[in-house]
């Protein structure tokens, strides 16, 4: 993202250099400036889309966290490579910051683009997002946090724009297929068990 910002700023600087030149603009110069403007915008678009997506996720994470302020950041590929924790996502309880690793954020974007054909990774990415929001909500125990996320999978998908029947199917797929193999699996996360919150839209 930083590289794109630098490239976009370079094109803007070239435009500024032409504008400050007192010579009369001819057709070639006008065309040159127009091309530079287009290149500057095209260079900035991925960065602006990245920020828009982070802002969108931050707003929705705050809703899931019972209106506690959440700030979602999607790590770049370079940040993810040098991540020393190795988690798909990470939440900082005190600041409300949520870090989603580069693959997780990409999978989540793909999930939201086409939830009806989501694969296992994309379905999992929504649970990572919801899991981290539960940490911001206040839970620190990982097994309880995971179970809270599972029970709010449908709610999370719905507020992100997924249709109800698709959200429910994705939630079932995660709970039945992926969750039993998860590091945070607990037999207490089941209907009528200790972690059951009796939510009306729970996966079970």
Protein backbone atom coordinates (compact mmCIF):
# COMPACT_ATOMS: atom_id res chain seq x y z
CA UNK A 1 0.00 0.00 0.00
CA UNK A 2 2.85 2.38 0.79
CA UNK A 3 4.32 1.81 -2.66
CA UNK A 4 1.01 2.69 -4.30
CA UNK A 5 0.78 5.84 -2.19
CA UNK A 6 4.27 6.87 -3.26
CA UNK A 7 3.46 6.21 -6.93
CA UNK A 8 0.22 8.18 -6.71
CA UNK A 9 2.00 11.09 -5.01
CA UNK A 10 4.66 11.01 -7.72
CA UNK A 11 2.03 11.46 -10.43
CA UNK A 12 0.43 14.28 -8.43
CA UNK A 13 3.84 15.94 -8.13
CA UNK A 14 4.32 15.73 -11.90
CA UNK A 15 0.93 17.40 -12.37
CA UNK A 16 1.88 20.13 -9.89
CA UNK A 17 5.17 20.68 -11.72
CA UNK A 18 3.27 21.29 -14.96
CA UNK A 19 0.74 23.62 -13.33
CA UNK A 20 3.34 25.82 -11.70
CA UNK A 21 5.18 26.28 -15.00
CA UNK A 22 4.07 29.67 -16.38
CA UNK A 23 4.26 28.53 -20.00
CA UNK A 24 1.02 28.40 -21.95
CA UNK A 25 -0.68 25.02 -21.97
CA UNK A 26 -0.82 23.45 -25.39
CA UNK A 27 -2.88 20.40 -26.33
CA UNK A 28 0.01 18.05 -25.67
CA UNK A 29 0.52 19.40 -22.15
CA UNK A 30 -3.21 19.15 -21.40
CA UNK A 31 -3.26 15.54 -22.60
CA UNK A 32 -0.14 14.78 -20.57
CA UNK A 33 -1.72 16.20 -17.41
CA UNK A 34 -4.91 14.23 -18.07
CA UNK A 35 -2.93 11.00 -18.37
CA UNK A 36 -1.04 11.78 -15.18
CA UNK A 37 -4.31 12.45 -13.36
CA UNK A 38 -5.73 9.12 -14.50
CA UNK A 39 -2.59 7.30 -13.40
CA UNK A 40 -2.66 9.04 -10.01
CA UNK A 41 -6.29 7.99 -9.46
CA UNK A 42 -5.68 4.41 -10.61
CA UNK A 43 -2.68 4.12 -8.28
CA UNK A 44 -4.72 5.40 -5.35
CA UNK A 45 -7.84 3.27 -5.93
CA UNK A 46 -6.56 0.02 -4.32
CA UNK A 47 -5.41 1.96 -1.28
CA UNK A 48 -8.74 3.79 -0.98
CA UNK A 49 -10.63 0.50 -1.35
CA UNK A 50 -8.41 -1.03 1.33
CA UNK A 51 -9.24 1.80 3.73
CA UNK A 52 -12.94 1.64 2.85
CA UNK A 53 -13.03 -2.08 3.61
CA UNK A 54 -11.24 -1.58 6.95
CA UNK A 55 -13.71 1.15 7.92
CA UNK A 56 -16.64 -1.07 6.93
CA UNK A 57 -15.30 -3.96 9.02
CA UNK A 58 -14.57 -1.64 11.96
CA UNK A 59 -18.16 -0.42 12.06
CA UNK A 60 -19.55 -3.95 11.95
CA UNK A 61 -17.07 -5.27 14.53
CA UNK A 62 -18.18 -2.50 16.89
CA UNK A 63 -21.79 -3.64 16.52
CA UNK A 64 -20.80 -7.22 17.32
CA UNK A 65 -18.79 -6.01 20.32
CA UNK A 66 -21.89 -4.44 21.89
CA UNK A 67 -20.91 -1.00 20.58
CA UNK A 68 -17.43 -1.05 22.08
CA UNK A 69 -15.12 0.74 19.67
CA UNK A 70 -13.33 -1.64 17.34
CA UNK A 71 -10.77 -0.72 14.71
CA UNK A 72 -10.04 -3.39 12.11
CA UNK A 73 -6.77 -3.35 10.20
CA UNK A 74 -6.01 -5.65 7.29
CA UNK A 75 -2.31 -6.48 7.33
CA UNK A 76 -0.37 -6.14 4.10
CA UNK A 77 1.38 -9.14 2.62
CA UNK A 78 4.71 -7.87 3.99
CA UNK A 79 3.31 -7.37 7.49
CA UNK A 80 1.85 -10.88 7.44
CA UNK A 81 5.16 -12.41 6.34
CA UNK A 82 6.92 -10.87 9.34
CA UNK A 83 4.11 -11.62 11.80
CA UNK A 84 5.72 -13.31 14.79
CA UNK A 85 2.48 -14.68 16.25
CA UNK A 86 1.21 -16.71 13.32
CA UNK A 87 -2.48 -16.15 14.10
CA UNK A 88 -5.14 -15.55 11.44
CA UNK A 89 -6.33 -12.62 13.54
CA UNK A 90 -5.36 -10.78 16.69
CA UNK A 91 -7.23 -8.45 19.03
CA UNK A 92 -5.82 -5.87 21.42
CA UNK A 93 -8.28 -5.65 24.28
CA UNK A 94 -7.17 -2.27 25.61
CA UNK A 95 -7.18 -0.36 22.32
CA UNK A 96 -9.98 -2.16 20.46
CA UNK A 97 -7.67 -2.84 17.52
CA UNK A 98 -8.20 -5.99 15.47
CA UNK A 99 -5.51 -7.19 13.07
CA UNK A 100 -6.56 -9.58 10.32
CA UNK A 101 -3.70 -11.18 8.45
CA UNK A 102 -3.42 -10.69 4.70
CA UNK A 103 -4.82 -14.13 3.72
CA UNK A 104 -7.67 -13.81 6.22
CA UNK A 105 -8.69 -10.38 4.96
CA UNK A 106 -8.57 -11.54 1.35
CA UNK A 107 -10.65 -14.60 2.18
CA UNK A 108 -13.18 -12.44 4.00
CA UNK A 109 -13.44 -10.08 1.05
CA UNK A 110 -13.97 -13.07 -1.27
CA UNK A 111 -16.54 -14.48 1.13
CA UNK A 112 -18.57 -11.27 1.11
CA UNK A 113 -18.33 -11.08 -2.68
CA UNK A 114 -19.83 -14.54 -3.11
CA UNK A 115 -20.99 -16.16 0.16
CA UNK A 116 -23.21 -18.68 -1.62
CA UNK A 117 -20.16 -20.40 -3.13
CA UNK A 118 -17.76 -19.84 -0.23
CA UNK A 119 -15.05 -22.42 0.37
CA UNK A 120 -13.81 -23.62 3.77
CA UNK A 121 -11.17 -20.86 4.10
CA UNK A 122 -13.64 -18.11 3.27
CA UNK A 123 -16.22 -19.45 5.72
CA UNK A 124 -13.49 -19.64 8.36
CA UNK A 125 -12.43 -16.03 7.73
CA UNK A 126 -15.81 -14.74 8.89
CA UNK A 127 -15.46 -16.70 12.10
CA UNK A 128 -11.99 -15.20 12.68
CA UNK A 129 -13.49 -11.72 12.29
CA UNK A 130 -16.31 -12.54 14.71
CA UNK A 131 -13.94 -14.22 17.17
CA UNK A 132 -11.77 -11.10 17.40
CA UNK A 133 -14.86 -8.92 17.85
CA UNK A 134 -15.81 -11.11 20.83
CA UNK A 135 -12.43 -10.35 22.38
CA UNK A 136 -13.11 -6.62 22.01
CA UNK A 137 -16.52 -7.29 23.57
CA UNK A 138 -14.68 -8.44 26.68
CA UNK A 139 -14.05 -12.19 26.62
CA UNK A 140 -10.45 -13.38 26.97
CA UNK A 141 -10.80 -17.12 27.37
CA UNK A 142 -10.16 -18.51 23.89
CA UNK A 143 -12.59 -21.43 24.04
CA UNK A 144 -15.43 -19.24 25.32
CA UNK A 145 -14.55 -16.58 22.74
CA UNK A 146 -14.70 -19.13 19.94
CA UNK A 147 -18.05 -20.41 21.13
CA UNK A 148 -19.44 -16.89 21.38
CA UNK A 149 -18.27 -16.27 17.81
CA UNK A 150 -19.90 -19.47 16.58
CA UNK A 151 -23.21 -18.50 18.17
CA UNK A 152 -23.00 -15.09 16.47
CA UNK A 153 -21.85 -16.34 13.08
CA UNK A 154 -25.25 -15.79 11.50
CA UNK A 155 -25.58 -12.35 13.08
CA UNK A 156 -22.11 -11.35 11.86
CA UNK A 157 -22.82 -12.54 8.34
CA UNK A 158 -26.17 -10.74 8.27
CA UNK A 159 -24.77 -7.37 9.37
CA UNK A 160 -22.08 -7.74 6.72
CA UNK A 161 -24.78 -8.10 4.09
CA UNK A 162 -25.13 -11.88 3.64
CA UNK A 163 -28.64 -13.23 3.08
CA UNK A 164 -30.13 -15.14 6.01
CA UNK A 165 -30.40 -18.63 4.50
CA UNK A 166 -26.82 -18.46 3.17
CA UNK A 167 -25.51 -17.19 6.52
CA UNK A 168 -27.25 -20.04 8.30
CA UNK A 169 -25.80 -22.64 5.92
CA UNK A 170 -22.30 -21.22 6.25
CA UNK A 171 -22.64 -21.23 10.04
CA UNK A 172 -23.70 -24.88 9.98
CA UNK A 173 -20.81 -25.77 7.70
CA UNK A 174 -18.32 -24.14 10.05
CA UNK A 175 -19.80 -25.61 13.23
CA UNK A 176 -20.11 -29.17 11.92
CA UNK A 177 -17.00 -29.45 9.74
CA UNK A 178 -14.30 -26.99 10.84
CA UNK A 179 -15.00 -26.34 14.51
CA UNK A 180 -14.43 -29.93 15.77
CA UNK A 181 -10.86 -29.71 14.38
CA UNK A 182 -10.20 -26.21 15.76
CA UNK A 183 -7.58 -25.64 18.45
CA UNK A 184 -10.21 -23.87 20.56
CA UNK A 185 -12.80 -26.65 20.30
CA UNK A 186 -14.72 -27.40 23.49
CA UNK A 187 -17.49 -29.96 24.11
CA UNK A 188 -19.07 -27.26 26.27
CA UNK A 189 -19.96 -25.38 23.08
CA UNK A 190 -23.17 -27.20 22.21
CA UNK A 191 -26.93 -26.87 22.75
CA UNK A 192 -27.75 -26.91 26.45
CA UNK A 193 -24.08 -27.05 27.46
CA UNK A 194 -22.16 -24.57 29.62
CA UNK A 195 -21.29 -22.12 26.83
CA UNK A 196 -24.77 -22.08 25.29
CA UNK A 197 -26.09 -18.51 25.48
CA UNK A 198 -29.56 -19.44 24.19
CA UNK A 199 -29.42 -16.87 21.40
CA UNK A 200 -32.38 -16.81 19.04
CA UNK A 201 -30.20 -16.91 15.92
CA UNK A 202 -27.52 -19.30 17.22
CA UNK A 203 -26.12 -21.89 14.83
CA UNK A 204 -28.01 -24.55 16.77
